[in-house]
Amino acid sequence: AKQINITDEDIILDYPMPSRCALEYLHVPR
């Protein structure tokens, strides 16, 4: 991301358990 200048909001986070959309729905800060 640093090499191609992508912002943190565009990075798709990966978690130990599948929960990315659920955490975003619950407004957990990135």
Full PDB file with SEQRES, HELIX, SHEET, SSBOND, CRYST1, ORIGX, SCALE, CONECT and MASTER records, all heavy atoms in Angstrom:
SEQRES   1 A   30  ALA LYS GLN ILE ASN ILE THR ASP GLU ASP ILE ILE LEU          
SEQRES   2 A   30  ASP TYR PRO MET PRO SER ARG CYS ALA LEU GLU TYR LEU          
SEQRES   3 A   30  HIS VAL PRO ARG                                              
HELIX    1 AA1 ASP A    8  ASP A   10  5                                   3    
HELIX    2 AA2 ARG A   20  TYR A   25  1                                   6    
CRYST1    1.000    1.000    1.000  90.00  90.00  90.00 P 1           1          
ORIGX1      1.000000  0.000000  0.000000        0.00000                         
ORIGX2      0.000000  1.000000  0.000000        0.00000                         
ORIGX3      0.000000  0.000000  1.000000        0.00000                         
SCALE1      1.000000  0.000000  0.000000        0.00000                         
SCALE2      0.000000  1.000000  0.000000        0.00000                         
SCALE3      0.000000  0.000000  1.000000        0.00000                         
ATOM      1  N   ALA A   1       0.828  -1.208   0.000  1.00  0.00           N  
ATOM      2  CA  ALA A   1       0.000   0.000   0.000  1.00  0.00           C  
ATOM      3  C   ALA A   1       0.862   1.257   0.000  1.00  0.00           C  
ATOM      4  O   ALA A   1       0.540   2.268  -0.643  1.00  0.00           O  
ATOM      5  CB  ALA A   1      -0.934   0.000   1.204  1.00  0.00           C  
ATOM      6  N   LYS A   2       1.973   1.214   0.718  1.00  0.00           N  
ATOM      7  CA  LYS A   2       2.859   2.377   0.762  1.00  0.00           C  
ATOM      8  C   LYS A   2       3.492   2.615  -0.608  1.00  0.00           C  
ATOM      9  O   LYS A   2       3.742   3.758  -1.004  1.00  0.00           O  
ATOM     10  CB  LYS A   2       3.937   2.163   1.816  1.00  0.00           C  
ATOM     11  CG  LYS A   2       3.395   2.189   3.246  1.00  0.00           C  
ATOM     12  CD  LYS A   2       4.503   1.929   4.252  1.00  0.00           C  
ATOM     13  CE  LYS A   2       3.957   1.940   5.683  1.00  0.00           C  
ATOM     14  NZ  LYS A   2       5.016   1.642   6.673  1.00  0.00           N  
ATOM     15  N   GLN A   3       3.774   1.549  -1.339  1.00  0.00           N  
ATOM     16  CA  GLN A   3       4.427   1.691  -2.631  1.00  0.00           C  
ATOM     17  C   GLN A   3       3.494   2.307  -3.675  1.00  0.00           C  
ATOM     18  O   GLN A   3       3.924   3.041  -4.544  1.00  0.00           O  
ATOM     19  CB  GLN A   3       4.934   0.328  -3.116  1.00  0.00           C  
ATOM     20  CG  GLN A   3       6.022  -0.261  -2.223  1.00  0.00           C  
ATOM     21  CD  GLN A   3       6.442  -1.640  -2.686  1.00  0.00           C  
ATOM     22  OE1 GLN A   3       5.950  -2.140  -3.689  1.00  0.00           O  
ATOM     23  NE2 GLN A   3       7.374  -2.250  -1.946  1.00  0.00           N  
ATOM     24  N   ILE A   4       2.193   2.004  -3.563  1.00  0.00           N  
ATOM     25  CA  ILE A   4       1.255   2.516  -4.580  1.00  0.00           C  
ATOM     26  C   ILE A   4       0.331   3.583  -4.000  1.00  0.00           C  
ATOM     27  O   ILE A   4      -0.682   3.933  -4.622  1.00  0.00           O  
ATOM     28  CB  ILE A   4       0.429   1.363  -5.174  1.00  0.00           C  
ATOM     29  CG1 ILE A   4      -0.351   0.641  -4.072  1.00  0.00           C  
ATOM     30  CG2 ILE A   4       1.329   0.379  -5.890  1.00  0.00           C  
ATOM     31  CD1 ILE A   4      -1.225  -0.496  -4.620  1.00  0.00           C  
ATOM     32  N   ASN A   5       0.651   4.081  -2.795  1.00  0.00           N  
ATOM     33  CA  ASN A   5      -0.070   5.200  -2.178  1.00  0.00           C  
ATOM     34  C   ASN A   5      -1.569   4.924  -1.974  1.00  0.00           C  
ATOM     35  O   ASN A   5      -2.434   5.698  -2.374  1.00  0.00           O  
ATOM     36  CB  ASN A   5       0.092   6.479  -3.031  1.00  0.00           C  
ATOM     37  CG  ASN A   5       1.552   6.927  -3.106  1.00  0.00           C  
ATOM     38  OD1 ASN A   5       2.280   6.798  -2.115  1.00  0.00           O  
ATOM     39  ND2 ASN A   5       1.958   7.433  -4.256  1.00  0.00           N  
ATOM     40  N   ILE A   6      -1.866   3.780  -1.361  1.00  0.00           N  
ATOM     41  CA  ILE A   6      -3.250   3.461  -0.999  1.00  0.00           C  
ATOM     42  C   ILE A   6      -3.492   3.886   0.439  1.00  0.00           C  
ATOM     43  O   ILE A   6      -2.655   3.645   1.319  1.00  0.00           O  
ATOM     44  CB  ILE A   6      -3.521   1.951  -1.160  1.00  0.00           C  
ATOM     45  CG1 ILE A   6      -3.365   1.545  -2.615  1.00  0.00           C  
ATOM     46  CG2 ILE A   6      -4.909   1.579  -0.656  1.00  0.00           C  
ATOM     47  CD1 ILE A   6      -3.571   0.067  -2.853  1.00  0.00           C  
ATOM     48  N   THR A   7      -4.620   4.521   0.712  1.00  0.00           N  
ATOM     49  CA  THR A   7      -4.943   4.966   2.068  1.00  0.00           C  
ATOM     50  C   THR A   7      -5.352   3.779   2.934  1.00  0.00           C  
ATOM     51  O   THR A   7      -5.709   2.711   2.443  1.00  0.00           O  
ATOM     52  CB  THR A   7      -6.091   5.990   2.037  1.00  0.00           C  
ATOM     53  OG1 THR A   7      -7.255   5.366   1.469  1.00  0.00           O  
ATOM     54  CG2 THR A   7      -5.702   7.185   1.188  1.00  0.00           C  
ATOM     55  N   ASP A   8      -5.357   3.987   4.251  1.00  0.00           N  
ATOM     56  CA  ASP A   8      -5.717   2.934   5.189  1.00  0.00           C  
ATOM     57  C   ASP A   8      -7.162   2.486   5.008  1.00  0.00           C  
ATOM     58  O   ASP A   8      -7.510   1.328   5.253  1.00  0.00           O  
ATOM     59  CB  ASP A   8      -5.518   3.412   6.636  1.00  0.00           C  
ATOM     60  CG  ASP A   8      -4.045   3.632   6.954  1.00  0.00           C  
ATOM     61  OD1 ASP A   8      -3.202   3.040   6.240  1.00  0.00           O  
ATOM     62  OD2 ASP A   8      -3.740   4.378   7.908  1.00  0.00           O  
ATOM     63  N   GLU A   9      -8.037   3.419   4.593  1.00  0.00           N  
ATOM     64  CA  GLU A   9      -9.449   3.056   4.436  1.00  0.00           C  
ATOM     65  C   GLU A   9      -9.663   2.078   3.276  1.00  0.00           C  
ATOM     66  O   GLU A   9     -10.664   1.358   3.239  1.00  0.00           O  
ATOM     67  CB  GLU A   9     -10.301   4.305   4.212  1.00  0.00           C  
ATOM     68  CG  GLU A   9     -10.496   5.168   5.458  1.00  0.00           C  
ATOM     69  CD  GLU A   9      -9.239   5.955   5.838  1.00  0.00           C  
ATOM     70  OE1 GLU A   9      -8.312   5.988   4.994  1.00  0.00           O  
ATOM     71  OE2 GLU A   9      -9.179   6.502   6.953  1.00  0.00           O  
ATOM     72  N   ASP A  10      -8.730   2.067   2.309  1.00  0.00           N  
ATOM     73  CA  ASP A  10      -8.884   1.189   1.153  1.00  0.00           C  
ATOM     74  C   ASP A  10      -8.309  -0.203   1.379  1.00  0.00           C  
ATOM     75  O   ASP A  10      -8.514  -1.100   0.560  1.00  0.00           O  
ATOM     76  CB  ASP A  10      -8.206   1.805  -0.072  1.00  0.00           C  
ATOM     77  CG  ASP A  10      -8.875   3.116  -0.468  1.00  0.00           C  
ATOM     78  OD1 ASP A  10     -10.106   3.215  -0.277  1.00  0.00           O  
ATOM     79  OD2 ASP A  10      -8.165   4.020  -0.954  1.00  0.00           O  
ATOM     80  N   ILE A  11      -7.580  -0.378   2.481  1.00  0.00           N  
ATOM     81  CA  ILE A  11      -6.963  -1.664   2.766  1.00  0.00           C  
ATOM     82  C   ILE A  11      -8.017  -2.611   3.332  1.00  0.00           C  
ATOM     83  O   ILE A  11      -8.776  -2.251   4.242  1.00  0.00           O  
ATOM     84  CB  ILE A  11      -5.799  -1.508   3.770  1.00  0.00           C  
ATOM     85  CG1 ILE A  11      -4.692  -0.627   3.171  1.00  0.00           C  
ATOM     86  CG2 ILE A  11      -5.244  -2.881   4.151  1.00  0.00           C  
ATOM     87  CD1 ILE A  11      -3.572  -0.344   4.127  1.00  0.00           C  
ATOM     88  N   ILE A  12      -8.085  -3.810   2.787  1.00  0.00           N  
ATOM     89  CA  ILE A  12      -9.020  -4.826   3.280  1.00  0.00           C  
ATOM     90  C   ILE A  12      -8.336  -5.580   4.413  1.00  0.00           C  
ATOM     91  O   ILE A  12      -7.328  -6.269   4.203  1.00  0.00           O  
ATOM     92  CB  ILE A  12      -9.435  -5.795   2.163  1.00  0.00           C  
ATOM     93  CG1 ILE A  12     -10.144  -5.030   1.048  1.00  0.00           C  
ATOM     94  CG2 ILE A  12     -10.334  -6.895   2.712  1.00  0.00           C  
ATOM     95  CD1 ILE A  12     -10.537  -5.903  -0.131  1.00  0.00           C  
ATOM     96  N   LEU A  13      -8.878  -5.435   5.606  1.00  0.00           N  
ATOM     97  CA  LEU A  13      -8.285  -6.061   6.786  1.00  0.00           C  
ATOM     98  C   LEU A  13      -8.699  -7.527   6.877  1.00  0.00           C  
ATOM     99  O   LEU A  13      -9.796  -7.908   6.484  1.00  0.00           O  
ATOM    100  CB  LEU A  13      -8.723  -5.317   8.050  1.00  0.00           C  
ATOM    101  CG  LEU A  13      -8.317  -3.840   8.135  1.00  0.00           C  
ATOM    102  CD1 LEU A  13      -8.850  -3.222   9.420  1.00  0.00           C  
ATOM    103  CD2 LEU A  13      -6.800  -3.681   8.071  1.00  0.00           C  
ATOM    104  N   ASP A  14      -7.798  -8.308   7.414  1.00  0.00           N  
ATOM    105  CA  ASP A  14      -8.061  -9.727   7.618  1.00  0.00           C  
ATOM    106  C   ASP A  14      -7.885 -10.028   9.103  1.00  0.00           C  
ATOM    107  O   ASP A  14      -6.930  -9.557   9.736  1.00  0.00           O  
ATOM    108  CB  ASP A  14      -7.084 -10.567   6.781  1.00  0.00           C  
ATOM    109  CG  ASP A  14      -7.525 -12.018   6.710  1.00  0.00           C  
ATOM    110  OD1 ASP A  14      -8.665 -12.317   7.118  1.00  0.00           O  
ATOM    111  OD2 ASP A  14      -6.725 -12.851   6.246  1.00  0.00           O  
ATOM    112  N   TYR A  15      -8.795 -10.840   9.670  1.00  0.00           N  
ATOM    113  CA  TYR A  15      -8.805 -11.125  11.104  1.00  0.00           C  
ATOM    114  C   TYR A  15      -8.646 -12.624  11.337  1.00  0.00           C  
ATOM    115  O   TYR A  15      -8.871 -13.431  10.424  1.00  0.00           O  
ATOM    116  CB  TYR A  15     -10.114 -10.633  11.735  1.00  0.00           C  
ATOM    117  CG  TYR A  15     -10.285  -9.131  11.707  1.00  0.00           C  
ATOM    118  CD1 TYR A  15     -10.913  -8.499  10.647  1.00  0.00           C  
ATOM    119  CD2 TYR A  15      -9.813  -8.349  12.759  1.00  0.00           C  
ATOM    120  CE1 TYR A  15     -11.066  -7.124  10.622  1.00  0.00           C  
ATOM    121  CE2 TYR A  15      -9.970  -6.966  12.745  1.00  0.00           C  
ATOM    122  CZ  TYR A  15     -10.592  -6.361  11.672  1.00  0.00           C  
ATOM    123  OH  TYR A  15     -10.744  -4.992  11.648  1.00  0.00           O  
ATOM    124  N   PRO A  16      -8.247 -13.009  12.549  1.00  0.00           N  
ATOM    125  CA  PRO A  16      -8.134 -14.447  12.845  1.00  0.00           C  
ATOM    126  C   PRO A  16      -9.405 -15.228  12.575  1.00  0.00           C  
ATOM    127  O   PRO A  16      -9.352 -16.376  12.145  1.00  0.00           O  
ATOM    128  CB  PRO A  16      -7.767 -14.462  14.333  1.00  0.00           C  
ATOM    129  CG  PRO A  16      -7.078 -13.153  14.565  1.00  0.00           C  
ATOM    130  CD  PRO A  16      -7.756 -12.173  13.660  1.00  0.00           C  
ATOM    131  N   MET A  17     -10.562 -14.639  12.853  1.00  0.00           N  
ATOM    132  CA  MET A  17     -11.835 -15.250  12.478  1.00  0.00           C  
ATOM    133  C   MET A  17     -12.546 -14.324  11.483  1.00  0.00           C  
ATOM    134  O   MET A  17     -12.382 -13.101  11.563  1.00  0.00           O  
ATOM    135  CB  MET A  17     -12.711 -15.475  13.721  1.00  0.00           C  
ATOM    136  CG  MET A  17     -13.150 -14.208  14.419  1.00  0.00           C  
ATOM    137  SD  MET A  17     -14.264 -14.495  15.827  1.00  0.00           S  
ATOM    138  CE  MET A  17     -13.103 -15.080  17.049  1.00  0.00           C  
ATOM    139  N   PRO A  18     -13.274 -14.840  10.515  1.00  0.00           N  
ATOM    140  CA  PRO A  18     -13.965 -13.986   9.540  1.00  0.00           C  
ATOM    141  C   PRO A  18     -14.938 -13.038  10.247  1.00  0.00           C  
ATOM    142  O   PRO A  18     -15.982 -13.457  10.747  1.00  0.00           O  
ATOM    143  CB  PRO A  18     -14.716 -14.998   8.662  1.00  0.00           C  
ATOM    144  CG  PRO A  18     -13.973 -16.272   8.825  1.00  0.00           C  
ATOM    145  CD  PRO A  18     -13.475 -16.268  10.235  1.00  0.00           C  
ATOM    146  N   SER A  19     -14.592 -11.757  10.297  1.00  0.00           N  
ATOM    147  CA  SER A  19     -15.416 -10.811  11.065  1.00  0.00           C  
ATOM    148  C   SER A  19     -15.284  -9.379  10.564  1.00  0.00           C  
ATOM    149  O   SER A  19     -15.722  -8.450  11.241  1.00  0.00           O  
ATOM    150  CB  SER A  19     -15.025 -10.872  12.551  1.00  0.00           C  
ATOM    151  OG  SER A  19     -13.636 -10.630  12.707  1.00  0.00           O  
ATOM    152  N   ARG A  20     -14.693  -9.161   9.380  1.00  0.00           N  
ATOM    153  CA  ARG A  20     -14.425  -7.802   8.918  1.00  0.00           C  
ATOM    154  C   ARG A  20     -15.714  -6.997   8.756  1.00  0.00           C  
ATOM    155  O   ARG A  20     -15.838  -5.895   9.309  1.00  0.00           O  
ATOM    156  CB  ARG A  20     -13.667  -7.854   7.576  1.00  0.00           C  
ATOM    157  CG  ARG A  20     -13.392  -6.479   6.973  1.00  0.00           C  
ATOM    158  CD  ARG A  20     -12.562  -6.626   5.718  1.00  0.00           C  
ATOM    159  NE  ARG A  20     -13.231  -7.484   4.745  1.00  0.00           N  
ATOM    160  CZ  ARG A  20     -14.147  -7.052   3.876  1.00  0.00           C  
ATOM    161  NH1 ARG A  20     -14.513  -5.769   3.869  1.00  0.00           N  
ATOM    162  NH2 ARG A  20     -14.703  -7.881   3.016  1.00  0.00           N  
ATOM    163  N   CYS A  21     -16.673  -7.521   8.033  1.00  0.00           N  
ATOM    164  CA  CYS A  21     -17.919  -6.780   7.795  1.00  0.00           C  
ATOM    165  C   CYS A  21     -18.713  -6.602   9.086  1.00  0.00           C  
ATOM    166  O   CYS A  21     -19.329  -5.558   9.311  1.00  0.00           O  
ATOM    167  CB  CYS A  21     -18.772  -7.493   6.757  1.00  0.00           C  
ATOM    168  SG  CYS A  21     -18.039  -7.486   5.103  1.00  0.00           S  
ATOM    169  N   ALA A  22     -18.696  -7.631   9.931  1.00  0.00           N  
ATOM    170  CA  ALA A  22     -19.423  -7.545  11.192  1.00  0.00           C  
ATOM    171  C   ALA A  22     -18.839  -6.461  12.086  1.00  0.00           C  
ATOM    172  O   ALA A  22     -19.576  -5.695  12.725  1.00  0.00           O  
ATOM    173  CB  ALA A  22     -19.401  -8.894  11.904  1.00  0.00           C  
ATOM    174  N   LEU A  23     -17.513  -6.365  12.128  1.00  0.00           N  
ATOM    175  CA  LEU A  23     -16.881  -5.338  12.959  1.00  0.00           C  
ATOM    176  C   LEU A  23     -17.129  -3.951  12.386  1.00  0.00           C  
ATOM    177  O   LEU A  23     -17.314  -2.983  13.141  1.00  0.00           O  
ATOM    178  CB  LEU A  23     -15.382  -5.625  13.063  1.00  0.00           C  
ATOM    179  CG  LEU A  23     -15.000  -6.896  13.835  1.00  0.00           C  
ATOM    180  CD1 LEU A  23     -13.498  -7.114  13.784  1.00  0.00           C  
ATOM    181  CD2 LEU A  23     -15.478  -6.811  15.281  1.00  0.00           C  
ATOM    182  N   GLU A  24     -17.133  -3.827  11.060  1.00  0.00           N  
ATOM    183  CA  GLU A  24     -17.456  -2.537  10.460  1.00  0.00           C  
ATOM    184  C   GLU A  24     -18.908  -2.156  10.736  1.00  0.00           C  
ATOM    185  O   GLU A  24     -19.218  -0.988  10.980  1.00  0.00           O  
ATOM    186  CB  GLU A  24     -17.196  -2.582   8.955  1.00  0.00           C  
ATOM    187  CG  GLU A  24     -15.719  -2.669   8.588  1.00  0.00           C  
ATOM    188  CD  GLU A  24     -15.507  -2.754   7.092  1.00  0.00           C  
ATOM    189  OE1 GLU A  24     -16.523  -2.808   6.352  1.00  0.00           O  
ATOM    190  OE2 GLU A  24     -14.328  -2.783   6.658  1.00  0.00           O  
ATOM    191  N   TYR A  25     -19.782  -3.125  10.714  1.00  0.00           N  
ATOM    192  CA  TYR A  25     -21.196  -2.860  11.015  1.00  0.00           C  
ATOM    193  C   TYR A  25     -21.371  -2.414  12.466  1.00  0.00           C  
ATOM    194  O   TYR A  25     -22.221  -1.572  12.773  1.00  0.00           O  
ATOM    195  CB  TYR A  25     -22.009  -4.126  10.742  1.00  0.00           C  
ATOM    196  CG  TYR A  25     -23.466  -3.995  11.088  1.00  0.00           C  
ATOM    197  CD1 TYR A  25     -24.345  -3.342  10.226  1.00  0.00           C  
ATOM    198  CD2 TYR A  25     -23.971  -4.533  12.270  1.00  0.00           C  
ATOM    199  CE1 TYR A  25     -25.690  -3.215  10.541  1.00  0.00           C  
ATOM    200  CE2 TYR A  25     -25.305  -4.426  12.593  1.00  0.00           C  
ATOM    201  CZ  TYR A  25     -26.168  -3.760  11.726  1.00  0.00           C  
ATOM    202  OH  TYR A  25     -27.508  -3.643  12.045  1.00  0.00           O  
ATOM    203  N   LEU A  26     -20.527  -2.961  13.355  1.00  0.00           N  
ATOM    204  CA  LEU A  26     -20.573  -2.580  14.772  1.00  0.00           C  
ATOM    205  C   LEU A  26     -19.734  -1.344  15.057  1.00  0.00           C  
ATOM    206  O   LEU A  26     -19.590  -0.957  16.223  1.00  0.00           O  
ATOM    207  CB  LEU A  26     -20.079  -3.751  15.637  1.00  0.00           C  
ATOM    208  CG  LEU A  26     -20.925  -5.029  15.570  1.00  0.00           C  
ATOM    209  CD1 LEU A  26     -20.260  -6.147  16.350  1.00  0.00           C  
ATOM    210  CD2 LEU A  26     -22.330  -4.783  16.098  1.00  0.00           C  
ATOM    211  N   HIS A  27     -19.148  -0.729  14.005  1.00  0.00           N  
ATOM    212  CA  HIS A  27     -18.377   0.525  14.107  1.00  0.00           C  
ATOM    213  C   HIS A  27     -17.144   0.369  15.002  1.00  0.00           C  
ATOM    214  O   HIS A  27     -16.828   1.250  15.810  1.00  0.00           O  
ATOM    215  CB  HIS A  27     -19.261   1.664  14.635  1.00  0.00           C  
ATOM    216  CG  HIS A  27     -20.487   1.905  13.806  1.00  0.00           C  
ATOM    217  ND1 HIS A  27     -20.440   2.436  12.537  1.00  0.00           N  
ATOM    218  CD2 HIS A  27     -21.804   1.666  14.079  1.00  0.00           C  
ATOM    219  CE1 HIS A  27     -21.677   2.527  12.046  1.00  0.00           C  
ATOM    220  NE2 HIS A  27     -22.515   2.060  12.958  1.00  0.00           N  
ATOM    221  N   VAL A  28     -16.461  -0.755  14.847  1.00  0.00           N  
ATOM    222  CA  VAL A  28     -15.199  -0.942  15.557  1.00  0.00           C  
ATOM    223  C   VAL A  28     -14.115  -0.202  14.793  1.00  0.00           C  
ATOM    224  O   VAL A  28     -13.937  -0.412  13.586  1.00  0.00           O  
ATOM    225  CB  VAL A  28     -14.847  -2.435  15.671  1.00  0.00           C  
ATOM    226  CG1 VAL A  28     -13.477  -2.611  16.331  1.00  0.00           C  
ATOM    227  CG2 VAL A  28     -15.923  -3.171  16.454  1.00  0.00           C  
ATOM    228  N   PRO A  29     -13.357   0.702  15.421  1.00  0.00           N  
ATOM    229  CA  PRO A  29     -12.356   1.508  14.698  1.00  0.00           C  
ATOM    230  C   PRO A  29     -11.277   0.631  14.052  1.00  0.00           C  
ATOM    231  O   PRO A  29     -10.821  -0.345  14.642  1.00  0.00           O  
ATOM    232  CB  PRO A  29     -11.761   2.390  15.799  1.00  0.00           C  
ATOM    233  CG  PRO A  29     -12.783   2.414  16.879  1.00  0.00           C  
ATOM    234  CD  PRO A  29     -13.454   1.070  16.834  1.00  0.00           C  
ATOM    235  N   ARG A  30     -10.885   1.002  12.850  1.00  0.00           N  
ATOM    236  CA  ARG A  30      -9.812   0.281  12.167  1.00  0.00           C  
ATOM    237  C   ARG A  30      -8.483   0.455  12.875  1.00  0.00           C  
ATOM    238  O   ARG A  30      -7.593  -0.387  12.738  1.00  0.00           O  
ATOM    239  CB  ARG A  30      -9.701   0.771  10.722  1.00  0.00           C  
ATOM    240  CG  ARG A  30     -10.954   0.476   9.877  1.00  0.00           C  
ATOM    241  CD  ARG A  30     -10.878   1.211   8.541  1.00  0.00           C  
ATOM    242  NE  ARG A  30      -9.792   0.728   7.710  1.00  0.00           N  
ATOM    243  CZ  ARG A  30      -9.914  -0.234   6.808  1.00  0.00           C  
ATOM    244  NH1 ARG A  30     -11.083  -0.835   6.629  1.00  0.00           N  
ATOM    245  NH2 ARG A  30      -8.890  -0.596   6.063  1.00  0.00           N  
TER     246      ARG A  30                                                      
MASTER        0    0    0    2    0    0    0    6  245    1    0    3          
END                                                                             
